[in-house]
Amino acid sequence: AASRDNIVIIPAILILVFLILVMLLRALLAPLILTATVVLSFGA
């Protein structure tokens, strides 16, 4: 069940974070870059 949750929830949170940044910054490129930095930071 935990393995299934990883596959479902992680993408859902990334999409949510991106959409919030889009609404907050009223842009597309900045949210894309910021979301990528979050993933990079998590991986590191």
All heavy atoms as atom14 arrays in JSON, in Angstrom:
{
  "sequence": "AASRDNIVIIPAILILVFLILVMLLRALLAPLILTATVVLSFGA",
  "atom14_mask": [
    [1, 1, 1, 1, 1, 0, 0, 0, 0, 0, 0, 0, 0, 0],
    [1, 1, 1, 1, 1, 0, 0, 0, 0, 0, 0, 0, 0, 0],
    [1, 1, 1, 1, 1, 1, 0, 0, 0, 0, 0, 0, 0, 0],
    [1, 1, 1, 1, 1, 1, 1, 1, 1, 1, 1, 0, 0, 0],
    [1, 1, 1, 1, 1, 1, 1, 1, 0, 0, 0, 0, 0, 0],
    [1, 1, 1, 1, 1, 1, 1, 1, 0, 0, 0, 0, 0, 0],
    [1, 1, 1, 1, 1, 1, 1, 1, 0, 0, 0, 0, 0, 0],
    [1, 1, 1, 1, 1, 1, 1, 0, 0, 0, 0, 0, 0, 0],
    [1, 1, 1, 1, 1, 1, 1, 1, 0, 0, 0, 0, 0, 0],
    [1, 1, 1, 1, 1, 1, 1, 1, 0, 0, 0, 0, 0, 0],
    [1, 1, 1, 1, 1, 1, 1, 0, 0, 0, 0, 0, 0, 0],
    [1, 1, 1, 1, 1, 0, 0, 0, 0, 0, 0, 0, 0, 0],
    [1, 1, 1, 1, 1, 1, 1, 1, 0, 0, 0, 0, 0, 0],
    [1, 1, 1, 1, 1, 1, 1, 1, 0, 0, 0, 0, 0, 0],
    [1, 1, 1, 1, 1, 1, 1, 1, 0, 0, 0, 0, 0, 0],
    [1, 1, 1, 1, 1, 1, 1, 1, 0, 0, 0, 0, 0, 0],
    [1, 1, 1, 1, 1, 1, 1, 0, 0, 0, 0, 0, 0, 0],
    [1, 1, 1, 1, 1, 1, 1, 1, 1, 1, 1, 0, 0, 0],
    [1, 1, 1, 1, 1, 1, 1, 1, 0, 0, 0, 0, 0, 0],
    [1, 1, 1, 1, 1, 1, 1, 1, 0, 0, 0, 0, 0, 0],
    [1, 1, 1, 1, 1, 1, 1, 1, 0, 0, 0, 0, 0, 0],
    [1, 1, 1, 1, 1, 1, 1, 0, 0, 0, 0, 0, 0, 0],
    [1, 1, 1, 1, 1, 1, 1, 1, 0, 0, 0, 0, 0, 0],
    [1, 1, 1, 1, 1, 1, 1, 1, 0, 0, 0, 0, 0, 0],
    [1, 1, 1, 1, 1, 1, 1, 1, 0, 0, 0, 0, 0, 0],
    [1, 1, 1, 1, 1, 1, 1, 1, 1, 1, 1, 0, 0, 0],
    [1, 1, 1, 1, 1, 0, 0, 0, 0, 0, 0, 0, 0, 0],
    [1, 1, 1, 1, 1, 1, 1, 1, 0, 0, 0, 0, 0, 0],
    [1, 1, 1, 1, 1, 1, 1, 1, 0, 0, 0, 0, 0, 0],
    [1, 1, 1, 1, 1, 0, 0, 0, 0, 0, 0, 0, 0, 0],
    [1, 1, 1, 1, 1, 1, 1, 0, 0, 0, 0, 0, 0, 0],
    [1, 1, 1, 1, 1, 1, 1, 1, 0, 0, 0, 0, 0, 0],
    [1, 1, 1, 1, 1, 1, 1, 1, 0, 0, 0, 0, 0, 0],
    [1, 1, 1, 1, 1, 1, 1, 1, 0, 0, 0, 0, 0, 0],
    [1, 1, 1, 1, 1, 1, 1, 0, 0, 0, 0, 0, 0, 0],
    [1, 1, 1, 1, 1, 0, 0, 0, 0, 0, 0, 0, 0, 0],
    [1, 1, 1, 1, 1, 1, 1, 0, 0, 0, 0, 0, 0, 0],
    [1, 1, 1, 1, 1, 1, 1, 0, 0, 0, 0, 0, 0, 0],
    [1, 1, 1, 1, 1, 1, 1, 0, 0, 0, 0, 0, 0, 0],
    [1, 1, 1, 1, 1, 1, 1, 1, 0, 0, 0, 0, 0, 0],
    [1, 1, 1, 1, 1, 1, 0, 0, 0, 0, 0, 0, 0, 0],
    [1, 1, 1, 1, 1, 1, 1, 1, 1, 1, 1, 0, 0, 0],
    [1, 1, 1, 1, 0, 0, 0, 0, 0, 0, 0, 0, 0, 0],
    [1, 1, 1, 1, 1, 0, 0, 0, 0, 0, 0, 0, 0, 0]
  ],
  "atom14_positions": [
    [[0.84, -1.21, 0.0], [0.0, 0.0, 0.0], [0.87, 1.25, 0.0], [0.56, 2.24, -0.68], [-0.93, -0.01, 1.21], [0.0, 0.0, 0.0], [0.0, 0.0, 0.0], [0.0, 0.0, 0.0], [0.0, 0.0, 0.0], [0.0, 0.0, 0.0], [0.0, 0.0, 0.0], [0.0, 0.0, 0.0], [0.0, 0.0, 0.0], [0.0, 0.0, 0.0]],
    [[1.98, 1.21, 0.75], [2.88, 2.37, 0.8], [3.51, 2.62, -0.56], [3.67, 3.77, -0.98], [3.96, 2.14, 1.85], [0.0, 0.0, 0.0], [0.0, 0.0, 0.0], [0.0, 0.0, 0.0], [0.0, 0.0, 0.0], [0.0, 0.0, 0.0], [0.0, 0.0, 0.0], [0.0, 0.0, 0.0], [0.0, 0.0, 0.0], [0.0, 0.0, 0.0]],
    [[3.89, 1.55, -1.27], [4.47, 1.71, -2.6], [3.46, 2.34, -3.56], [3.81, 3.22, -4.36], [4.91, 0.34, -3.15], [5.9, -0.23, -2.32], [0.0, 0.0, 0.0], [0.0, 0.0, 0.0], [0.0, 0.0, 0.0], [0.0, 0.0, 0.0], [0.0, 0.0, 0.0], [0.0, 0.0, 0.0], [0.0, 0.0, 0.0], [0.0, 0.0, 0.0]],
    [[2.22, 1.92, -3.47], [1.16, 2.51, -4.31], [0.97, 3.98, -3.97], [0.81, 4.83, -4.86], [-0.13, 1.72, -4.12], [-1.34, 2.29, -4.85], [-2.16, 3.17, -3.91], [-3.27, 3.82, -4.58], [-3.91, 4.88, -4.11], [-3.51, 5.44, -2.96], [-4.91, 5.42, -4.76], [0.0, 0.0, 0.0], [0.0, 0.0, 0.0], [0.0, 0.0, 0.0]],
    [[1.0, 4.32, -2.68], [0.82, 5.71, -2.25], [1.92, 6.6, -2.79], [1.68, 7.76, -3.15], [0.76, 5.78, -0.73], [-0.5, 5.14, -0.16], [-1.44, 4.91, -0.94], [-0.54, 4.88, 1.06], [0.0, 0.0, 0.0], [0.0, 0.0, 0.0], [0.0, 0.0, 0.0], [0.0, 0.0, 0.0], [0.0, 0.0, 0.0], [0.0, 0.0, 0.0]],
    [[3.16, 6.08, -2.83], [4.27, 6.87, -3.37], [3.99, 7.28, -4.82], [4.22, 8.43, -5.22], [5.57, 6.06, -3.32], [6.07, 5.85, -1.91], [5.68, 6.56, -0.99], [6.93, 4.87, -1.74], [0.0, 0.0, 0.0], [0.0, 0.0, 0.0], [0.0, 0.0, 0.0], [0.0, 0.0, 0.0], [0.0, 0.0, 0.0], [0.0, 0.0, 0.0]],
    [[3.49, 6.34, -5.6], [3.26, 6.58, -7.03], [2.13, 7.58, -7.25], [2.17, 8.4, -8.17], [2.94, 5.25, -7.74], [4.15, 4.31, -7.65], [2.53, 5.49, -9.19], [3.86, 2.9, -8.14], [0.0, 0.0, 0.0], [0.0, 0.0, 0.0], [0.0, 0.0, 0.0], [0.0, 0.0, 0.0], [0.0, 0.0, 0.0], [0.0, 0.0, 0.0]],
    [[1.12, 7.55, -6.39], [-0.06, 8.4, -6.58], [0.13, 9.79, -5.98], [-0.18, 10.81, -6.61], [-1.31, 7.73, -5.97], [-2.5, 8.68, -5.98], [-1.64, 6.45, -6.72], [0.0, 0.0, 0.0], [0.0, 0.0, 0.0], [0.0, 0.0, 0.0], [0.0, 0.0, 0.0], [0.0, 0.0, 0.0], [0.0, 0.0, 0.0], [0.0, 0.0, 0.0]],
    [[0.63, 9.86, -4.77], [0.62, 11.12, -4.01], [1.74, 12.06, -4.41], [1.53, 13.28, -4.49], [0.66, 10.82, -2.5], [-0.6, 10.06, -2.09], [0.77, 12.12, -1.7], [-0.61, 9.6, -0.66], [0.0, 0.0, 0.0], [0.0, 0.0, 0.0], [0.0, 0.0, 0.0], [0.0, 0.0, 0.0], [0.0, 0.0, 0.0], [0.0, 0.0, 0.0]],
    [[2.92, 11.54, -4.68], [4.05, 12.42, -5.02], [3.75, 13.28, -6.25], [3.92, 14.5, -6.22], [5.35, 11.6, -5.18], [5.82, 11.13, -3.79], [6.43, 12.41, -5.87], [7.06, 10.25, -3.81], [0.0, 0.0, 0.0], [0.0, 0.0, 0.0], [0.0, 0.0, 0.0], [0.0, 0.0, 0.0], [0.0, 0.0, 0.0], [0.0, 0.0, 0.0]],
    [[3.26, 12.71, -7.37], [2.91, 13.57, -8.51], [1.78, 14.55, -8.18], [1.8, 15.69, -8.66], [2.46, 12.57, -9.58], [3.1, 11.28, -9.2], [3.12, 11.28, -7.71], [0.0, 0.0, 0.0], [0.0, 0.0, 0.0], [0.0, 0.0, 0.0], [0.0, 0.0, 0.0], [0.0, 0.0, 0.0], [0.0, 0.0, 0.0], [0.0, 0.0, 0.0]],
    [[0.82, 14.11, -7.37], [-0.3, 15.0, -7.01], [0.2, 16.24, -6.27], [-0.25, 17.37, -6.52], [-1.31, 14.24, -6.16], [0.0, 0.0, 0.0], [0.0, 0.0, 0.0], [0.0, 0.0, 0.0], [0.0, 0.0, 0.0], [0.0, 0.0, 0.0], [0.0, 0.0, 0.0], [0.0, 0.0, 0.0], [0.0, 0.0, 0.0], [0.0, 0.0, 0.0]],
    [[1.15, 16.04, -5.35], [1.68, 17.18, -4.59], [2.49, 18.1, -5.49], [2.39, 19.33, -5.38], [2.54, 16.67, -3.41], [1.65, 15.98, -2.38], [3.31, 17.81, -2.76], [2.39, 15.37, -1.22], [0.0, 0.0, 0.0], [0.0, 0.0, 0.0], [0.0, 0.0, 0.0], [0.0, 0.0, 0.0], [0.0, 0.0, 0.0], [0.0, 0.0, 0.0]],
    [[3.27, 17.54, -6.41], [4.04, 18.37, -7.34], [3.13, 19.24, -8.21], [3.38, 20.43, -8.41], [4.92, 17.49, -8.23], [6.24, 17.01, -7.63], [6.96, 16.1, -8.61], [7.12, 18.18, -7.23], [0.0, 0.0, 0.0], [0.0, 0.0, 0.0], [0.0, 0.0, 0.0], [0.0, 0.0, 0.0], [0.0, 0.0, 0.0], [0.0, 0.0, 0.0]],
    [[2.06, 18.65, -8.72], [1.11, 19.41, -9.53], [0.47, 20.51, -8.7], [0.32, 21.66, -9.15], [0.04, 18.47, -10.12], [0.67, 17.52, -11.13], [-1.09, 19.28, -10.78], [-0.25, 16.4, -11.6], [0.0, 0.0, 0.0], [0.0, 0.0, 0.0], [0.0, 0.0, 0.0], [0.0, 0.0, 0.0], [0.0, 0.0, 0.0], [0.0, 0.0, 0.0]],
    [[0.1, 20.18, -7.46], [-0.52, 21.17, -6.58], [0.43, 22.34, -6.3], [0.03, 23.51, -6.39], [-0.91, 20.49, -5.26], [-1.44, 21.42, -4.17], [-2.81, 21.96, -4.56], [-1.52, 20.69, -2.83], [0.0, 0.0, 0.0], [0.0, 0.0, 0.0], [0.0, 0.0, 0.0], [0.0, 0.0, 0.0], [0.0, 0.0, 0.0], [0.0, 0.0, 0.0]],
    [[1.68, 22.02, -5.98], [2.66, 23.06, -5.7], [2.84, 23.97, -6.91], [2.88, 25.21, -6.79], [4.01, 22.42, -5.29], [5.14, 23.45, -5.35], [3.91, 21.83, -3.89], [0.0, 0.0, 0.0], [0.0, 0.0, 0.0], [0.0, 0.0, 0.0], [0.0, 0.0, 0.0], [0.0, 0.0, 0.0], [0.0, 0.0, 0.0], [0.0, 0.0, 0.0]],
    [[2.94, 23.37, -8.09], [3.1, 24.16, -9.32], [1.91, 25.11, -9.53], [2.1, 26.3, -9.82], [3.25, 23.23, -10.52], [3.25, 23.94, -11.84], [4.34, 24.69, -12.24], [2.15, 23.88, -12.68], [4.34, 25.35, -13.46], [2.13, 24.54, -13.89], [3.24, 25.28, -14.29], [0.0, 0.0, 0.0], [0.0, 0.0, 0.0], [0.0, 0.0, 0.0]],
    [[0.7, 24.62, -9.35], [-0.49, 25.45, -9.57], [-0.56, 26.6, -8.56], [-0.94, 27.72, -8.92], [-1.76, 24.59, -9.48], [-1.94, 23.56, -10.6], [-3.17, 22.7, -10.34], [-2.05, 24.26, -11.95], [0.0, 0.0, 0.0], [0.0, 0.0, 0.0], [0.0, 0.0, 0.0], [0.0, 0.0, 0.0], [0.0, 0.0, 0.0], [0.0, 0.0, 0.0]],
    [[-0.17, 26.34, -7.32], [-0.19, 27.4, -6.31], [0.83, 28.48, -6.67], [0.54, 29.68, -6.56], [0.1, 26.81, -4.91], [-1.11, 25.99, -4.44], [0.4, 27.92, -3.91], [-0.88, 25.26, -3.14], [0.0, 0.0, 0.0], [0.0, 0.0, 0.0], [0.0, 0.0, 0.0], [0.0, 0.0, 0.0], [0.0, 0.0, 0.0], [0.0, 0.0, 0.0]],
    [[2.0, 28.06, -7.11], [3.02, 29.03, -7.5], [2.56, 29.85, -8.72], [2.85, 31.05, -8.81], [4.34, 28.32, -7.8], [5.1, 27.79, -6.59], [6.29, 26.95, -7.03], [5.56, 28.92, -5.69], [0.0, 0.0, 0.0], [0.0, 0.0, 0.0], [0.0, 0.0, 0.0], [0.0, 0.0, 0.0], [0.0, 0.0, 0.0], [0.0, 0.0, 0.0]],
    [[1.87, 29.2, -9.65], [1.35, 29.92, -10.82], [0.38, 31.01, -10.38], [0.45, 32.16, -10.85], [0.66, 28.95, -11.81], [-0.14, 29.73, -12.86], [1.69, 28.06, -12.49], [0.0, 0.0, 0.0], [0.0, 0.0, 0.0], [0.0, 0.0, 0.0], [0.0, 0.0, 0.0], [0.0, 0.0, 0.0], [0.0, 0.0, 0.0], [0.0, 0.0, 0.0]],
    [[-0.54, 30.66, -9.49], [-1.52, 31.65, -9.02], [-0.85, 32.75, -8.21], [-1.23, 33.93, -8.31], [-2.6, 30.94, -8.18], [-3.52, 30.05, -8.98], [-4.88, 29.38, -7.99], [-4.0, 28.23, -6.94], [0.0, 0.0, 0.0], [0.0, 0.0, 0.0], [0.0, 0.0, 0.0], [0.0, 0.0, 0.0], [0.0, 0.0, 0.0], [0.0, 0.0, 0.0]],
    [[0.16, 32.4, -7.44], [0.8, 33.38, -6.57], [1.69, 34.34, -7.37], [1.67, 35.56, -7.14], [1.63, 32.66, -5.51], [2.27, 33.52, -4.42], [1.2, 34.15, -3.54], [3.22, 32.68, -3.57], [0.0, 0.0, 0.0], [0.0, 0.0, 0.0], [0.0, 0.0, 0.0], [0.0, 0.0, 0.0], [0.0, 0.0, 0.0], [0.0, 0.0, 0.0]],
    [[2.47, 33.8, -8.31], [3.45, 34.61, -9.04], [2.9, 35.11, -10.38], [3.53, 35.95, -11.04], [4.72, 33.8, -9.29], [5.44, 33.3, -8.02], [6.66, 32.47, -8.39], [5.84, 34.47, -7.12], [0.0, 0.0, 0.0], [0.0, 0.0, 0.0], [0.0, 0.0, 0.0], [0.0, 0.0, 0.0], [0.0, 0.0, 0.0], [0.0, 0.0, 0.0]],
    [[1.75, 34.57, -10.8], [1.1, 34.97, -12.06], [2.07, 34.84, -13.23], [2.24, 35.75, -14.05], [0.58, 36.4, -11.96], [-0.44, 36.58, -10.83], [-0.71, 38.02, -10.55], [-1.18, 38.2, -9.17], [-1.35, 39.38, -8.6], [-1.12, 40.48, -9.27], [-1.78, 39.47, -7.36], [0.0, 0.0, 0.0], [0.0, 0.0, 0.0], [0.0, 0.0, 0.0]],
    [[2.71, 33.69, -13.27], [3.67, 33.38, -14.33], [3.71, 31.87, -14.52], [3.08, 31.12, -13.75], [5.05, 33.91, -13.96], [0.0, 0.0, 0.0], [0.0, 0.0, 0.0], [0.0, 0.0, 0.0], [0.0, 0.0, 0.0], [0.0, 0.0, 0.0], [0.0, 0.0, 0.0], [0.0, 0.0, 0.0], [0.0, 0.0, 0.0], [0.0, 0.0, 0.0]],
    [[4.42, 31.41, -15.56], [4.56, 29.98, -15.8], [6.01, 29.52, -15.66], [6.27, 28.46, -15.09], [4.06, 29.62, -17.21], [2.55, 29.64, -17.42], [2.21, 29.33, -18.87], [1.86, 28.64, -16.5], [0.0, 0.0, 0.0], [0.0, 0.0, 0.0], [0.0, 0.0, 0.0], [0.0, 0.0, 0.0], [0.0, 0.0, 0.0], [0.0, 0.0, 0.0]],
    [[6.94, 30.31, -16.19], [8.34, 29.89, -16.16], [8.88, 29.83, -14.73], [9.54, 28.85, -14.35], [9.19, 30.83, -17.01], [10.68, 30.44, -17.13], [10.81, 29.04, -17.7], [11.43, 31.45, -17.98], [0.0, 0.0, 0.0], [0.0, 0.0, 0.0], [0.0, 0.0, 0.0], [0.0, 0.0, 0.0], [0.0, 0.0, 0.0], [0.0, 0.0, 0.0]],
    [[8.63, 30.86, -13.95], [9.13, 30.86, -12.57], [8.61, 29.67, -11.77], [9.4, 28.98, -11.1], [8.77, 32.18, -11.88], [0.0, 0.0, 0.0], [0.0, 0.0, 0.0], [0.0, 0.0, 0.0], [0.0, 0.0, 0.0], [0.0, 0.0, 0.0], [0.0, 0.0, 0.0], [0.0, 0.0, 0.0], [0.0, 0.0, 0.0], [0.0, 0.0, 0.0]],
    [[7.3, 29.37, -11.81], [6.81, 28.18, -11.09], [7.45, 26.89, -11.58], [7.75, 25.99, -10.77], [5.31, 28.2, -11.37], [4.98, 29.63, -11.58], [6.18, 30.18, -12.31], [0.0, 0.0, 0.0], [0.0, 0.0, 0.0], [0.0, 0.0, 0.0], [0.0, 0.0, 0.0], [0.0, 0.0, 0.0], [0.0, 0.0, 0.0], [0.0, 0.0, 0.0]],
    [[7.67, 26.75, -12.9], [8.32, 25.54, -13.42], [9.73, 25.4, -12.85], [10.13, 24.32, -12.41], [8.38, 25.6, -14.94], [7.14, 25.12, -15.7], [7.29, 25.4, -17.19], [6.9, 23.63, -15.47], [0.0, 0.0, 0.0], [0.0, 0.0, 0.0], [0.0, 0.0, 0.0], [0.0, 0.0, 0.0], [0.0, 0.0, 0.0], [0.0, 0.0, 0.0]],
    [[10.48, 26.5, -12.88], [11.86, 26.47, -12.37], [11.88, 26.2, -10.87], [12.67, 25.38, -10.38], [12.57, 27.8, -12.69], [12.8, 27.92, -14.19], [13.9, 27.9, -11.94], [13.35, 29.26, -14.62], [0.0, 0.0, 0.0], [0.0, 0.0, 0.0], [0.0, 0.0, 0.0], [0.0, 0.0, 0.0], [0.0, 0.0, 0.0], [0.0, 0.0, 0.0]],
    [[10.99, 26.86, -10.13], [10.96, 26.68, -8.68], [10.57, 25.26, -8.31], [11.12, 24.67, -7.38], [9.99, 27.68, -8.06], [10.41, 29.15, -8.17], [9.32, 30.05, -7.62], [11.72, 29.41, -7.45], [0.0, 0.0, 0.0], [0.0, 0.0, 0.0], [0.0, 0.0, 0.0], [0.0, 0.0, 0.0], [0.0, 0.0, 0.0], [0.0, 0.0, 0.0]],
    [[9.61, 24.68, -9.04], [9.21, 23.29, -8.77], [10.37, 22.36, -9.05], [10.61, 21.4, -8.3], [8.0, 22.91, -9.64], [6.92, 23.82, -9.39], [7.53, 21.49, -9.32], [0.0, 0.0, 0.0], [0.0, 0.0, 0.0], [0.0, 0.0, 0.0], [0.0, 0.0, 0.0], [0.0, 0.0, 0.0], [0.0, 0.0, 0.0], [0.0, 0.0, 0.0]],
    [[11.12, 22.63, -10.12], [12.29, 21.8, -10.44], [13.35, 21.9, -9.34], [13.98, 20.9, -8.98], [12.87, 22.23, -11.78], [0.0, 0.0, 0.0], [0.0, 0.0, 0.0], [0.0, 0.0, 0.0], [0.0, 0.0, 0.0], [0.0, 0.0, 0.0], [0.0, 0.0, 0.0], [0.0, 0.0, 0.0], [0.0, 0.0, 0.0], [0.0, 0.0, 0.0]],
    [[13.54, 23.11, -8.79], [14.54, 23.25, -7.72], [14.11, 22.5, -6.47], [14.95, 21.96, -5.74], [14.77, 24.73, -7.36], [13.57, 25.3, -6.83], [15.22, 25.53, -8.56], [0.0, 0.0, 0.0], [0.0, 0.0, 0.0], [0.0, 0.0, 0.0], [0.0, 0.0, 0.0], [0.0, 0.0, 0.0], [0.0, 0.0, 0.0], [0.0, 0.0, 0.0]],
    [[12.8, 22.44, -6.23], [12.3, 21.69, -5.07], [12.6, 20.2, -5.24], [13.04, 19.52, -4.31], [10.78, 21.92, -4.9], [10.18, 20.9, -3.95], [10.53, 23.33, -4.37], [0.0, 0.0, 0.0], [0.0, 0.0, 0.0], [0.0, 0.0, 0.0], [0.0, 0.0, 0.0], [0.0, 0.0, 0.0], [0.0, 0.0, 0.0], [0.0, 0.0, 0.0]],
    [[12.35, 19.68, -6.44], [12.62, 18.26, -6.7], [14.12, 17.98, -6.59], [14.54, 16.97, -6.02], [12.11, 17.87, -8.1], [12.51, 16.44, -8.45], [10.59, 18.01, -8.16], [0.0, 0.0, 0.0], [0.0, 0.0, 0.0], [0.0, 0.0, 0.0], [0.0, 0.0, 0.0], [0.0, 0.0, 0.0], [0.0, 0.0, 0.0], [0.0, 0.0, 0.0]],
    [[14.93, 18.87, -7.13], [16.39, 18.71, -7.05], [16.86, 18.74, -5.6], [17.69, 17.92, -5.19], [17.07, 19.82, -7.84], [18.61, 19.79, -7.89], [19.09, 18.52, -8.58], [19.14, 21.02, -8.62], [0.0, 0.0, 0.0], [0.0, 0.0, 0.0], [0.0, 0.0, 0.0], [0.0, 0.0, 0.0], [0.0, 0.0, 0.0], [0.0, 0.0, 0.0]],
    [[16.32, 19.64, -4.82], [16.67, 19.73, -3.4], [16.28, 18.46, -2.66], [17.04, 17.93, -1.84], [15.98, 20.94, -2.78], [16.21, 21.01, -1.39], [0.0, 0.0, 0.0], [0.0, 0.0, 0.0], [0.0, 0.0, 0.0], [0.0, 0.0, 0.0], [0.0, 0.0, 0.0], [0.0, 0.0, 0.0], [0.0, 0.0, 0.0], [0.0, 0.0, 0.0]],
    [[15.07, 17.94, -2.98], [14.62, 16.69, -2.35], [15.54, 15.54, -2.71], [15.95, 14.75, -1.84], [13.19, 16.39, -2.81], [12.73, 14.99, -2.48], [12.41, 14.65, -1.18], [12.62, 14.03, -3.48], [11.98, 13.36, -0.88], [12.19, 12.74, -3.19], [11.88, 12.41, -1.88], [0.0, 0.0, 0.0], [0.0, 0.0, 0.0], [0.0, 0.0, 0.0]],
    [[15.88, 15.42, -4.0], [16.76, 14.34, -4.43], [18.12, 14.4, -3.76], [18.67, 13.38, -3.33], [0.0, 0.0, 0.0], [0.0, 0.0, 0.0], [0.0, 0.0, 0.0], [0.0, 0.0, 0.0], [0.0, 0.0, 0.0], [0.0, 0.0, 0.0], [0.0, 0.0, 0.0], [0.0, 0.0, 0.0], [0.0, 0.0, 0.0], [0.0, 0.0, 0.0]],
    [[18.68, 15.61, -3.64], [19.99, 15.76, -3.0], [19.93, 15.39, -1.52], [20.81, 14.7, -1.0], [20.48, 17.2, -3.17], [0.0, 0.0, 0.0], [0.0, 0.0, 0.0], [0.0, 0.0, 0.0], [0.0, 0.0, 0.0], [0.0, 0.0, 0.0], [0.0, 0.0, 0.0], [0.0, 0.0, 0.0], [0.0, 0.0, 0.0], [0.0, 0.0, 0.0]]
  ]
}
